[in-house]
């Protein structure tokens, strides 16, 4: 594979055609998928510097070089040498503003945990070729190696999955309220603790089952299911999945959403504390959309333009209240 293509892949600047080439390369040989997975782990070290000490980084690097030692492919070592120079440059001068995340290894024997703090996003590729994007304040737990019967991961928070198709090897996302089972597809899961869980299907087919095994539904593309223990399952059709996954690019869109739900998402995205001082506002419905470069004040100003609320910054808190007449 072309060295520049690999660098574009690691820096998330691939074109759709680039991604198709990478997917074919991964699918052609499991060793390719394993190698690229380890390369992404090395690449992530520049972000882990914020969270890890020198010893932890050295241990992660040693694990990577040991895994490479099991194969003698000269082409892979050429790529490794070239790209590690690129990684070193990024570590030194910080050219790239990629999303920060914290990887803790292992959570238990044979498991990895990726935790994304407030105000950040992350992406990773699993050893089977599945790509996952994680939103702010999310946690993903996945095995170092999948079993030969089922691919299981655990999620708290929000993630978008592009599951690598494996015939007879289902991929299951376990969340606090739901289990989502697929073979190969693209879908979004929003499953924060103490909040309604929402699954939105972009491509393929998924089977969604409540953890108490009392309810089960199969989703088709552009369908969305919402679930809470108090309200049960709700199915919606003709969902604009492009809007649902805007968060992957740092953008935001709230279409006919309650203000208290909007506030929760804004707190996670901008790592702020927002208080709705007038509780009657909590259930008010708002619609707004903003770009990746928007600040929290710019988003609040969009909401203020509805003339139904106002806001103020008080120390480290933001207060939302009804405007004075």
C-alpha atoms as a PDB file:
ATOM      1  CA  UNK A   1       0.000   0.000   0.000  1.00  0.00           C
ATOM      2  CA  UNK A   2       1.151   3.525  -0.830  1.00  0.00           C
ATOM      3  CA  UNK A   3       2.879   5.272   2.095  1.00  0.00           C
ATOM      4  CA  UNK A   4       1.056   8.570   1.507  1.00  0.00           C
ATOM      5  CA  UNK A   5      -2.295   6.751   1.525  1.00  0.00           C
ATOM      6  CA  UNK A   6      -1.475   5.274   4.927  1.00  0.00           C
ATOM      7  CA  UNK A   7      -0.571   8.718   6.267  1.00  0.00           C
ATOM      8  CA  UNK A   8      -3.842  10.151   4.939  1.00  0.00           C
ATOM      9  CA  UNK A   9      -5.664   7.292   6.650  1.00  0.00           C
ATOM     10  CA  UNK A  10      -3.948   7.954   9.989  1.00  0.00           C
ATOM     11  CA  UNK A  11      -4.631  11.688   9.773  1.00  0.00           C
ATOM     12  CA  UNK A  12      -8.315  11.168   8.807  1.00  0.00           C
ATOM     13  CA  UNK A  13      -7.897  12.994   5.471  1.00  0.00           C
ATOM     14  CA  UNK A  14      -8.826  10.099   3.184  1.00  0.00           C
ATOM     15  CA  UNK A  15     -11.126  10.558   0.213  1.00  0.00           C
ATOM     16  CA  UNK A  16     -13.964   8.033  -0.273  1.00  0.00           C
ATOM     17  CA  UNK A  17     -11.800   6.311  -2.903  1.00  0.00           C
ATOM     18  CA  UNK A  18      -8.881   6.159  -0.446  1.00  0.00           C
ATOM     19  CA  UNK A  19     -11.123   4.460   2.128  1.00  0.00           C
ATOM     20  CA  UNK A  20     -12.258   1.905  -0.449  1.00  0.00           C
ATOM     21  CA  UNK A  21      -8.623   1.068  -1.209  1.00  0.00           C
ATOM     22  CA  UNK A  22      -7.837   0.688   2.496  1.00  0.00           C
ATOM     23  CA  UNK A  23     -10.909  -1.493   3.024  1.00  0.00           C
ATOM     24  CA  UNK A  24      -9.881  -3.796   0.153  1.00  0.00           C
ATOM     25  CA  UNK A  25      -6.328  -3.999   1.495  1.00  0.00           C
ATOM     26  CA  UNK A  26      -7.600  -4.929   4.955  1.00  0.00           C
ATOM     27  CA  UNK A  27     -10.083  -7.475   3.607  1.00  0.00           C
ATOM     28  CA  UNK A  28      -7.424  -9.177   1.481  1.00  0.00           C
ATOM     29  CA  UNK A  29      -5.369 -10.379   4.452  1.00  0.00           C
ATOM     30  CA  UNK A  30      -5.969 -10.528   8.211  1.00  0.00           C
ATOM     31  CA  UNK A  31      -2.293  -9.679   8.748  1.00  0.00           C
ATOM     32  CA  UNK A  32      -2.906  -6.361   6.966  1.00  0.00           C
ATOM     33  CA  UNK A  33      -5.765  -5.526   9.335  1.00  0.00           C
ATOM     34  CA  UNK A  34      -3.687  -6.471  12.389  1.00  0.00           C
ATOM     35  CA  UNK A  35      -0.748  -4.385  11.196  1.00  0.00           C
ATOM     36  CA  UNK A  36      -2.843  -1.297  10.465  1.00  0.00           C
ATOM     37  CA  UNK A  37      -4.568  -1.664  13.841  1.00  0.00           C
ATOM     38  CA  UNK A  38      -1.188  -1.627  15.591  1.00  0.00           C
ATOM     39  CA  UNK A  39      -0.051   1.326  13.477  1.00  0.00           C
ATOM     40  CA  UNK A  40      -3.073   3.312  14.651  1.00  0.00           C
ATOM     41  CA  UNK A  41      -2.115   2.508  18.235  1.00  0.00           C
ATOM     42  CA  UNK A  42       1.379   3.909  17.666  1.00  0.00           C
ATOM     43  CA  UNK A  43      -0.116   6.962  15.992  1.00  0.00           C
ATOM     44  CA  UNK A  44      -2.351   7.534  19.005  1.00  0.00           C
ATOM     45  CA  UNK A  45       0.686   7.920  21.280  1.00  0.00           C
ATOM     46  CA  UNK A  46       0.995  11.582  20.394  1.00  0.00           C
ATOM     47  CA  UNK A  47      -2.439  12.129  21.941  1.00  0.00           C
ATOM     48  CA  UNK A  48      -1.757   9.837  24.889  1.00  0.00           C
ATOM     49  CA  UNK A  49       1.154  12.068  25.912  1.00  0.00           C
ATOM     50  CA  UNK A  50      -1.414  14.207  27.695  1.00  0.00           C
ATOM     51  CA  UNK A  51      -2.482  11.287  29.819  1.00  0.00           C
ATOM     52  CA  UNK A  52       0.437   8.864  30.032  1.00  0.00           C
ATOM     53  CA  UNK A  53       3.880   9.003  31.535  1.00  0.00           C
ATOM     54  CA  UNK A  54       7.073   8.051  29.706  1.00  0.00           C
ATOM     55  CA  UNK A  55       7.072   4.487  31.008  1.00  0.00           C
ATOM     56  CA  UNK A  56       3.541   3.798  29.748  1.00  0.00           C
ATOM     57  CA  UNK A  57       4.398   5.109  26.275  1.00  0.00           C
ATOM     58  CA  UNK A  58       7.578   3.035  26.100  1.00  0.00           C
ATOM     59  CA  UNK A  59       5.657  -0.090  27.090  1.00  0.00           C
ATOM     60  CA  UNK A  60       3.038   0.556  24.383  1.00  0.00           C
ATOM     61  CA  UNK A  61       5.762   1.068  21.785  1.00  0.00           C
ATOM     62  CA  UNK A  62       7.542  -2.116  22.881  1.00  0.00           C
ATOM     63  CA  UNK A  63       4.323  -4.103  22.492  1.00  0.00           C
ATOM     64  CA  UNK A  64       4.030  -2.796  18.962  1.00  0.00           C
ATOM     65  CA  UNK A  65       7.605  -3.568  17.913  1.00  0.00           C
ATOM     66  CA  UNK A  66       7.329  -7.043  19.459  1.00  0.00           C
ATOM     67  CA  UNK A  67       4.241  -7.763  17.368  1.00  0.00           C
ATOM     68  CA  UNK A  68       6.110  -6.653  14.260  1.00  0.00           C
ATOM     69  CA  UNK A  69       8.976  -8.978  15.135  1.00  0.00           C
ATOM     70  CA  UNK A  70       6.696 -11.940  14.512  1.00  0.00           C
ATOM     71  CA  UNK A  71       6.669 -11.132  10.793  1.00  0.00           C
ATOM     72  CA  UNK A  72       9.555 -10.446   8.420  1.00  0.00           C
ATOM     73  CA  UNK A  73       7.746  -8.470   5.756  1.00  0.00           C
ATOM     74  CA  UNK A  74      10.276  -5.919   4.473  1.00  0.00           C
ATOM     75  CA  UNK A  75       7.573  -3.729   2.970  1.00  0.00           C
ATOM     76  CA  UNK A  76       5.844  -3.360   6.344  1.00  0.00           C
ATOM     77  CA  UNK A  77       9.124  -2.396   7.999  1.00  0.00           C
ATOM     78  CA  UNK A  78       9.699   0.213   5.300  1.00  0.00           C
ATOM     79  CA  UNK A  79       6.299   1.714   6.018  1.00  0.00           C
ATOM     80  CA  UNK A  80       6.986   1.574   9.745  1.00  0.00           C
ATOM     81  CA  UNK A  81      10.263   3.476   9.382  1.00  0.00           C
ATOM     82  CA  UNK A  82       8.726   6.143   7.159  1.00  0.00           C
ATOM     83  CA  UNK A  83       5.596   6.709   9.220  1.00  0.00           C
ATOM     84  CA  UNK A  84       7.341   6.623  12.598  1.00  0.00           C
ATOM     85  CA  UNK A  85       9.441   9.560  11.371  1.00  0.00           C
ATOM     86  CA  UNK A  86       6.175  11.334  10.616  1.00  0.00           C
ATOM     87  CA  UNK A  87       4.785  10.437  14.055  1.00  0.00           C
ATOM     88  CA  UNK A  88       7.954  11.745  15.710  1.00  0.00           C
ATOM     89  CA  UNK A  89       7.575  15.074  13.944  1.00  0.00           C
ATOM     90  CA  UNK A  90       4.013  15.366  15.193  1.00  0.00           C
ATOM     91  CA  UNK A  91       5.074  14.497  18.745  1.00  0.00           C
ATOM     92  CA  UNK A  92       7.705  17.215  18.714  1.00  0.00           C
ATOM     93  CA  UNK A  93       5.981  20.154  17.056  1.00  0.00           C
ATOM     94  CA  UNK A  94       2.287  19.260  17.391  1.00  0.00           C
ATOM     95  CA  UNK A  95       1.296  19.881  13.784  1.00  0.00           C
ATOM     96  CA  UNK A  96      -1.998  18.045  13.929  1.00  0.00           C
ATOM     97  CA  UNK A  97      -4.984  18.939  16.096  1.00  0.00           C
ATOM     98  CA  UNK A  98      -6.506  15.479  16.223  1.00  0.00           C
ATOM     99  CA  UNK A  99      -9.031  14.546  18.864  1.00  0.00           C
ATOM    100  CA  UNK A 100      -7.649  13.529  22.243  1.00  0.00           C
ATOM    101  CA  UNK A 101      -8.597  10.354  24.001  1.00  0.00           C
ATOM    102  CA  UNK A 102      -7.353   8.182  26.794  1.00  0.00           C
ATOM    103  CA  UNK A 103      -6.616   4.516  26.276  1.00  0.00           C
ATOM    104  CA  UNK A 104      -6.208   2.343  29.349  1.00  0.00           C
ATOM    105  CA  UNK A 105      -4.835  -1.169  28.818  1.00  0.00           C
ATOM    106  CA  UNK A 106      -5.995  -3.568  30.000  1.00  0.00           C
ATOM    107  CA  UNK A 107      -9.335  -2.992  31.803  1.00  0.00           C
ATOM    108  CA  UNK A 108      -9.393  -6.691  32.677  1.00  0.00           C
ATOM    109  CA  UNK A 109      -7.457  -9.572  31.190  1.00  0.00           C
ATOM    110  CA  UNK A 110      -7.873  -9.508  27.424  1.00  0.00           C
ATOM    111  CA  UNK A 111      -9.752  -6.188  27.260  1.00  0.00           C
ATOM    112  CA  UNK A 112      -8.978  -2.646  26.114  1.00  0.00           C
ATOM    113  CA  UNK A 113     -10.821   0.469  27.249  1.00  0.00           C
ATOM    114  CA  UNK A 114     -11.005   3.770  25.385  1.00  0.00           C
ATOM    115  CA  UNK A 115     -12.427   6.715  27.348  1.00  0.00           C
ATOM    116  CA  UNK A 116     -13.135  10.065  25.691  1.00  0.00           C
ATOM    117  CA  UNK A 117     -13.265  13.094  28.026  1.00  0.00           C
ATOM    118  CA  UNK A 118     -15.744  15.952  27.701  1.00  0.00           C
ATOM    119  CA  UNK A 119     -14.979  18.305  24.856  1.00  0.00           C
ATOM    120  CA  UNK A 120     -13.160  15.664  22.777  1.00  0.00           C
ATOM    121  CA  UNK A 121     -13.862  12.975  20.169  1.00  0.00           C
ATOM    122  CA  UNK A 122     -11.913   9.920  19.040  1.00  0.00           C
ATOM    123  CA  UNK A 123     -11.805   7.246  16.363  1.00  0.00           C
ATOM    124  CA  UNK A 124     -10.221   3.828  16.177  1.00  0.00           C
ATOM    125  CA  UNK A 125     -10.153   0.643  14.139  1.00  0.00           C
ATOM    126  CA  UNK A 126     -10.635  -2.771  15.717  1.00  0.00           C
ATOM    127  CA  UNK A 127      -8.621  -5.816  14.724  1.00  0.00           C
ATOM    128  CA  UNK A 128     -11.490  -7.090  12.528  1.00  0.00           C
ATOM    129  CA  UNK A 129     -11.466  -3.914  10.423  1.00  0.00           C
ATOM    130  CA  UNK A 130     -14.471  -2.308  12.142  1.00  0.00           C
ATOM    131  CA  UNK A 131     -14.152   1.487  12.430  1.00  0.00           C
ATOM    132  CA  UNK A 132     -15.638   3.327  15.409  1.00  0.00           C
ATOM    133  CA  UNK A 133     -16.021   7.039  16.124  1.00  0.00           C
ATOM    134  CA  UNK A 134     -16.586   7.983  19.779  1.00  0.00           C
ATOM    135  CA  UNK A 135     -18.295  11.149  20.967  1.00  0.00           C
ATOM    136  CA  UNK A 136     -17.520  13.188  24.095  1.00  0.00           C
ATOM    137  CA  UNK A 137     -17.760  11.486  27.509  1.00  0.00           C
ATOM    138  CA  UNK A 138     -17.993   8.023  25.960  1.00  0.00           C
ATOM    139  CA  UNK A 139     -16.360   4.733  26.917  1.00  0.00           C
ATOM    140  CA  UNK A 140     -15.760   1.689  24.730  1.00  0.00           C
ATOM    141  CA  UNK A 141     -14.545  -1.668  26.041  1.00  0.00           C
ATOM    142  CA  UNK A 142     -13.462  -4.285  23.503  1.00  0.00           C
ATOM    143  CA  UNK A 143     -11.444  -7.524  23.592  1.00  0.00           C
ATOM    144  CA  UNK A 144      -7.836  -7.699  22.459  1.00  0.00           C
ATOM    145  CA  UNK A 145      -8.972 -10.571  20.243  1.00  0.00           C
ATOM    146  CA  UNK A 146     -12.508 -11.511  19.216  1.00  0.00           C
ATOM    147  CA  UNK A 147     -13.819 -15.032  19.744  1.00  0.00           C
ATOM    148  CA  UNK A 148     -14.619 -17.317  16.816  1.00  0.00           C
ATOM    149  CA  UNK A 149     -18.354 -17.142  17.601  1.00  0.00           C
ATOM    150  CA  UNK A 150     -19.241 -13.506  18.205  1.00  0.00           C
ATOM    151  CA  UNK A 151     -17.671 -10.038  18.296  1.00  0.00           C
ATOM    152  CA  UNK A 152     -18.761  -8.272  21.489  1.00  0.00           C
ATOM    153  CA  UNK A 153     -18.051  -4.686  22.592  1.00  0.00           C
ATOM    154  CA  UNK A 154     -19.488  -2.566  25.420  1.00  0.00           C
ATOM    155  CA  UNK A 155     -20.446   1.090  25.034  1.00  0.00           C
ATOM    156  CA  UNK A 156     -21.429   3.860  27.413  1.00  0.00           C
ATOM    157  CA  UNK A 157     -22.005   7.106  25.534  1.00  0.00           C
ATOM    158  CA  UNK A 158     -22.315   7.759  21.804  1.00  0.00           C
ATOM    159  CA  UNK A 159     -20.559   6.099  18.885  1.00  0.00           C
ATOM    160  CA  UNK A 160     -20.899   5.608  15.155  1.00  0.00           C
ATOM    161  CA  UNK A 161     -19.992   2.119  13.910  1.00  0.00           C
ATOM    162  CA  UNK A 162     -18.876   0.940  10.476  1.00  0.00           C
ATOM    163  CA  UNK A 163     -18.867  -2.785  11.127  1.00  0.00           C
ATOM    164  CA  UNK A 164     -16.694  -4.995   8.958  1.00  0.00           C
ATOM    165  CA  UNK A 165     -18.844  -7.706   7.405  1.00  0.00           C
ATOM    166  CA  UNK A 166     -18.034 -11.172   8.719  1.00  0.00           C
ATOM    167  CA  UNK A 167     -20.388 -13.918   7.633  1.00  0.00           C
ATOM    168  CA  UNK A 168     -21.475 -16.106  10.592  1.00  0.00           C
ATOM    169  CA  UNK A 169     -19.636 -13.802  13.045  1.00  0.00           C
ATOM    170  CA  UNK A 170     -22.152 -11.309  14.499  1.00  0.00           C
ATOM    171  CA  UNK A 171     -20.998  -7.992  15.965  1.00  0.00           C
ATOM    172  CA  UNK A 172     -22.860  -7.058  19.153  1.00  0.00           C
ATOM    173  CA  UNK A 173     -22.818  -3.674  20.898  1.00  0.00           C
ATOM    174  CA  UNK A 174     -23.843  -3.974  24.540  1.00  0.00           C
ATOM    175  CA  UNK A 175     -25.081  -0.718  26.087  1.00  0.00           C
ATOM    176  CA  UNK A 176     -26.725   0.070  29.456  1.00  0.00           C
ATOM    177  CA  UNK A 177     -30.244  -0.554  28.111  1.00  0.00           C
ATOM    178  CA  UNK A 178     -29.904  -2.248  24.719  1.00  0.00           C
ATOM    179  CA  UNK A 179     -27.976  -4.861  22.749  1.00  0.00           C
ATOM    180  CA  UNK A 180     -27.462  -4.152  19.040  1.00  0.00           C
ATOM    181  CA  UNK A 181     -26.587  -7.138  16.851  1.00  0.00           C
ATOM    182  CA  UNK A 182     -25.286  -6.914  13.263  1.00  0.00           C
ATOM    183  CA  UNK A 183     -23.174  -8.730  10.681  1.00  0.00           C
ATOM    184  CA  UNK A 184     -21.904  -5.697   8.764  1.00  0.00           C
ATOM    185  CA  UNK A 185     -23.484  -2.246   8.641  1.00  0.00           C
ATOM    186  CA  UNK A 186     -23.287   1.438   9.619  1.00  0.00           C
ATOM    187  CA  UNK A 187     -25.226   2.796  12.571  1.00  0.00           C
ATOM    188  CA  UNK A 188     -25.174   5.310  15.418  1.00  0.00           C
ATOM    189  CA  UNK A 189     -25.740   4.432  19.072  1.00  0.00           C
ATOM    190  CA  UNK A 190     -26.428   7.032  21.739  1.00  0.00           C
ATOM    191  CA  UNK A 191     -26.472   5.296  25.117  1.00  0.00           C
ATOM    192  CA  UNK A 192     -25.426   7.544  27.970  1.00  0.00           C
ATOM    193  CA  UNK A 193     -26.155   6.435  31.506  1.00  0.00           C
ATOM    194  CA  UNK A 194     -29.489   7.641  32.920  1.00  0.00           C
ATOM    195  CA  UNK A 195     -30.640   8.851  29.484  1.00  0.00           C
ATOM    196  CA  UNK A 196     -32.891   7.467  26.779  1.00  0.00           C
ATOM    197  CA  UNK A 197     -31.007   5.157  24.392  1.00  0.00           C
ATOM    198  CA  UNK A 198     -31.239   5.838  20.653  1.00  0.00           C
ATOM    199  CA  UNK A 199     -30.100   3.643  17.733  1.00  0.00           C
ATOM    200  CA  UNK A 200     -30.103   5.077  14.200  1.00  0.00           C
ATOM    201  CA  UNK A 201     -29.393   2.887  11.162  1.00  0.00           C
ATOM    202  CA  UNK A 202     -27.603   4.360   8.140  1.00  0.00           C
ATOM    203  CA  UNK A 203     -26.901   1.204   6.095  1.00  0.00           C
ATOM    204  CA  UNK A 204     -27.613  -2.518   6.349  1.00  0.00           C
ATOM    205  CA  UNK A 205     -29.762  -4.079   9.043  1.00  0.00           C
ATOM    206  CA  UNK A 206     -29.527  -4.277  12.841  1.00  0.00           C
ATOM    207  CA  UNK A 207     -31.427  -6.192  15.485  1.00  0.00           C
ATOM    208  CA  UNK A 208     -32.088  -4.219  18.668  1.00  0.00           C
ATOM    209  CA  UNK A 209     -33.080  -6.004  21.875  1.00  0.00           C
ATOM    210  CA  UNK A 210     -33.693  -4.629  25.351  1.00  0.00           C
ATOM    211  CA  UNK A 211     -31.407  -6.041  28.023  1.00  0.00           C
ATOM    212  CA  UNK A 212     -34.380  -7.582  29.840  1.00  0.00           C
ATOM    213  CA  UNK A 213     -35.074  -9.576  26.627  1.00  0.00           C
ATOM    214  CA  UNK A 214     -38.703  -8.407  26.608  1.00  0.00           C
ATOM    215  CA  UNK A 215     -38.572  -6.374  23.397  1.00  0.00           C
ATOM    216  CA  UNK A 216     -36.807  -6.862  20.072  1.00  0.00           C
ATOM    217  CA  UNK A 217     -36.993  -4.984  16.763  1.00  0.00           C
ATOM    218  CA  UNK A 218     -35.128  -5.084  13.455  1.00  0.00           C
ATOM    219  CA  UNK A 219     -34.207  -1.725  11.943  1.00  0.00           C
ATOM    220  CA  UNK A 220     -34.016  -0.836   8.254  1.00  0.00           C
ATOM    221  CA  UNK A 221     -31.926   2.016   6.806  1.00  0.00           C
ATOM    222  CA  UNK A 222     -33.020   5.520   7.913  1.00  0.00           C
ATOM    223  CA  UNK A 223     -34.972   4.146  10.858  1.00  0.00           C
ATOM    224  CA  UNK A 224     -34.382   5.056  14.494  1.00  0.00           C
ATOM    225  CA  UNK A 225     -35.385   3.395  17.711  1.00  0.00           C
ATOM    226  CA  UNK A 226     -35.566   5.125  21.098  1.00  0.00           C
ATOM    227  CA  UNK A 227     -35.874   3.325  24.402  1.00  0.00           C
ATOM    228  CA  UNK A 228     -36.187   4.031  28.094  1.00  0.00           C
ATOM    229  CA  UNK A 229     -37.523   1.772  30.821  1.00  0.00           C
ATOM    230  CA  UNK A 230     -40.361   4.201  31.500  1.00  0.00           C
ATOM    231  CA  UNK A 231     -41.499   4.876  27.911  1.00  0.00           C
ATOM    232  CA  UNK A 232     -40.552   1.614  26.180  1.00  0.00           C
ATOM    233  CA  UNK A 233     -39.536   1.285  22.522  1.00  0.00           C
ATOM    234  CA  UNK A 234     -40.384   3.970  19.962  1.00  0.00           C
ATOM    235  CA  UNK A 235     -39.699   3.496  16.241  1.00  0.00           C
ATOM    236  CA  UNK A 236     -39.295   6.427  13.829  1.00  0.00           C
ATOM    237  CA  UNK A 237     -38.862   6.201  10.060  1.00  0.00           C
ATOM    238  CA  UNK A 238     -37.384   8.471   7.374  1.00  0.00           C
ATOM    239  CA  UNK A 239     -34.618   9.750   9.655  1.00  0.00           C
ATOM    240  CA  UNK A 240     -31.930  11.976   8.149  1.00  0.00           C
ATOM    241  CA  UNK A 241     -28.893   9.957   9.229  1.00  0.00           C
ATOM    242  CA  UNK A 242     -26.503  12.612   7.912  1.00  0.00           C
ATOM    243  CA  UNK A 243     -27.841  14.973  10.571  1.00  0.00           C
ATOM    244  CA  UNK A 244     -27.555  12.337  13.296  1.00  0.00           C
ATOM    245  CA  UNK A 245     -23.846  11.813  12.657  1.00  0.00           C
ATOM    246  CA  UNK A 246     -22.835  15.477  12.291  1.00  0.00           C
ATOM    247  CA  UNK A 247     -21.118  15.191  15.686  1.00  0.00           C
ATOM    248  CA  UNK A 248     -18.412  13.051  14.040  1.00  0.00           C
ATOM    249  CA  UNK A 249     -17.111  16.213  12.352  1.00  0.00           C
ATOM    250  CA  UNK A 250     -17.552  18.367  15.450  1.00  0.00           C
ATOM    251  CA  UNK A 251     -20.773  19.907  14.157  1.00  0.00           C
ATOM    252  CA  UNK A 252     -24.083  19.916  15.965  1.00  0.00           C
ATOM    253  CA  UNK A 253     -27.757  19.769  15.039  1.00  0.00           C
ATOM    254  CA  UNK A 254     -30.803  19.753  17.293  1.00  0.00           C
ATOM    255  CA  UNK A 255     -34.071  19.216  15.447  1.00  0.00           C
ATOM    256  CA  UNK A 256     -37.169  19.731  17.568  1.00  0.00           C
ATOM    257  CA  UNK A 257     -35.326  18.782  20.783  1.00  0.00           C
ATOM    258  CA  UNK A 258     -36.117  19.532  24.399  1.00  0.00           C
ATOM    259  CA  UNK A 259     -33.898  22.184  25.926  1.00  0.00           C
ATOM    260  CA  UNK A 260     -32.741  19.924  28.785  1.00  0.00           C
ATOM    261  CA  UNK A 261     -31.539  17.339  26.234  1.00  0.00           C
ATOM    262  CA  UNK A 262     -29.764  20.052  24.233  1.00  0.00           C
ATOM    263  CA  UNK A 263     -28.071  21.305  27.396  1.00  0.00           C
ATOM    264  CA  UNK A 264     -26.757  17.830  28.236  1.00  0.00           C
ATOM    265  CA  UNK A 265     -25.163  17.521  24.800  1.00  0.00           C
ATOM    266  CA  UNK A 266     -23.679  21.019  24.973  1.00  0.00           C
ATOM    267  CA  UNK A 267     -22.149  20.273  28.389  1.00  0.00           C
ATOM    268  CA  UNK A 268     -20.439  17.207  26.955  1.00  0.00           C
ATOM    269  CA  UNK A 269     -19.280  18.868  23.752  1.00  0.00           C
ATOM    270  CA  UNK A 270     -17.902  22.069  25.289  1.00  0.00           C
ATOM    271  CA  UNK A 271     -16.989  20.713  28.755  1.00  0.00           C
ATOM    272  CA  UNK A 272     -19.073  23.350  30.548  1.00  0.00           C
ATOM    273  CA  UNK A 273     -21.686  23.432  33.297  1.00  0.00           C
ATOM    274  CA  UNK A 274     -25.094  24.799  32.282  1.00  0.00           C
ATOM    275  CA  UNK A 275     -27.984  25.393  34.681  1.00  0.00           C
ATOM    276  CA  UNK A 276     -31.563  26.000  33.532  1.00  0.00           C
ATOM    277  CA  UNK A 277     -32.778  28.271  36.313  1.00  0.00           C
ATOM    278  CA  UNK A 278     -36.406  28.298  35.171  1.00  0.00           C
ATOM    279  CA  UNK A 279     -37.473  24.654  35.053  1.00  0.00           C
ATOM    280  CA  UNK A 280     -40.439  25.432  32.813  1.00  0.00           C
ATOM    281  CA  UNK A 281     -37.884  25.993  30.039  1.00  0.00           C
ATOM    282  CA  UNK A 282     -36.560  22.436  30.288  1.00  0.00           C
ATOM    283  CA  UNK A 283     -39.330  20.928  28.183  1.00  0.00           C
ATOM    284  CA  UNK A 284     -39.391  23.753  25.613  1.00  0.00           C
ATOM    285  CA  UNK A 285     -38.630  22.576  22.053  1.00  0.00           C
ATOM    286  CA  UNK A 286     -35.812  24.181  20.030  1.00  0.00           C
ATOM    287  CA  UNK A 287     -34.089  23.677  16.670  1.00  0.00           C
ATOM    288  CA  UNK A 288     -30.602  24.859  15.792  1.00  0.00           C
ATOM    289  CA  UNK A 289     -27.516  23.783  13.884  1.00  0.00           C
ATOM    290  CA  UNK A 290     -23.908  24.921  14.219  1.00  0.00           C
ATOM    291  CA  UNK A 291     -20.510  24.327  12.631  1.00  0.00           C
ATOM    292  CA  UNK A 292     -17.414  22.734  14.163  1.00  0.00           C
ATOM    293  CA  UNK A 293     -15.818  26.135  14.779  1.00  0.00           C
ATOM    294  CA  UNK A 294     -18.773  27.461  16.810  1.00  0.00           C
ATOM    295  CA  UNK A 295     -18.146  28.419  20.442  1.00  0.00           C
ATOM    296  CA  UNK A 296     -20.563  27.716  23.278  1.00  0.00           C
ATOM    297  CA  UNK A 297     -21.506  31.394  23.357  1.00  0.00           C
ATOM    298  CA  UNK A 298     -22.327  31.354  19.633  1.00  0.00           C
ATOM    299  CA  UNK A 299     -24.577  28.310  20.095  1.00  0.00           C
ATOM    300  CA  UNK A 300     -26.344  29.917  23.037  1.00  0.00           C
ATOM    301  CA  UNK A 301     -26.819  33.073  20.958  1.00  0.00           C
ATOM    302  CA  UNK A 302     -28.582  30.984  18.289  1.00  0.00           C
ATOM    303  CA  UNK A 303     -30.987  29.717  20.947  1.00  0.00           C
ATOM    304  CA  UNK A 304     -31.433  33.218  22.332  1.00  0.00           C
ATOM    305  CA  UNK A 305     -32.542  34.463  18.898  1.00  0.00           C
ATOM    306  CA  UNK A 306     -35.774  32.483  19.379  1.00  0.00           C
ATOM    307  CA  UNK A 307     -36.626  35.141  22.021  1.00  0.00           C
ATOM    308  CA  UNK A 308     -37.685  32.369  24.379  1.00  0.00           C
ATOM    309  CA  UNK A 309     -34.568  32.277  26.535  1.00  0.00           C
ATOM    310  CA  UNK A 310     -31.577  34.297  27.643  1.00  0.00           C
ATOM    311  CA  UNK A 311     -28.275  33.306  29.243  1.00  0.00           C
ATOM    312  CA  UNK A 312     -25.421  34.648  31.336  1.00  0.00           C
ATOM    313  CA  UNK A 313     -21.918  33.508  32.269  1.00  0.00           C
ATOM    314  CA  UNK A 314     -21.417  33.432  36.027  1.00  0.00           C
ATOM    315  CA  UNK A 315     -17.933  32.249  36.968  1.00  0.00           C
ATOM    316  CA  UNK A 316     -17.509  28.727  35.618  1.00  0.00           C
ATOM    317  CA  UNK A 317     -21.226  28.226  35.124  1.00  0.00           C
ATOM    318  CA  UNK A 318     -23.706  29.245  32.440  1.00  0.00           C
ATOM    319  CA  UNK A 319     -27.246  30.087  33.475  1.00  0.00           C
ATOM    320  CA  UNK A 320     -30.234  29.885  31.146  1.00  0.00           C
ATOM    321  CA  UNK A 321     -33.412  31.751  32.065  1.00  0.00           C
ATOM    322  CA  UNK A 322     -36.511  33.335  30.569  1.00  0.00           C
ATOM    323  CA  UNK A 323     -35.877  36.752  29.015  1.00  0.00           C
ATOM    324  CA  UNK A 324     -37.162  39.860  30.718  1.00  0.00           C
ATOM    325  CA  UNK A 325     -40.202  41.336  29.001  1.00  0.00           C
END
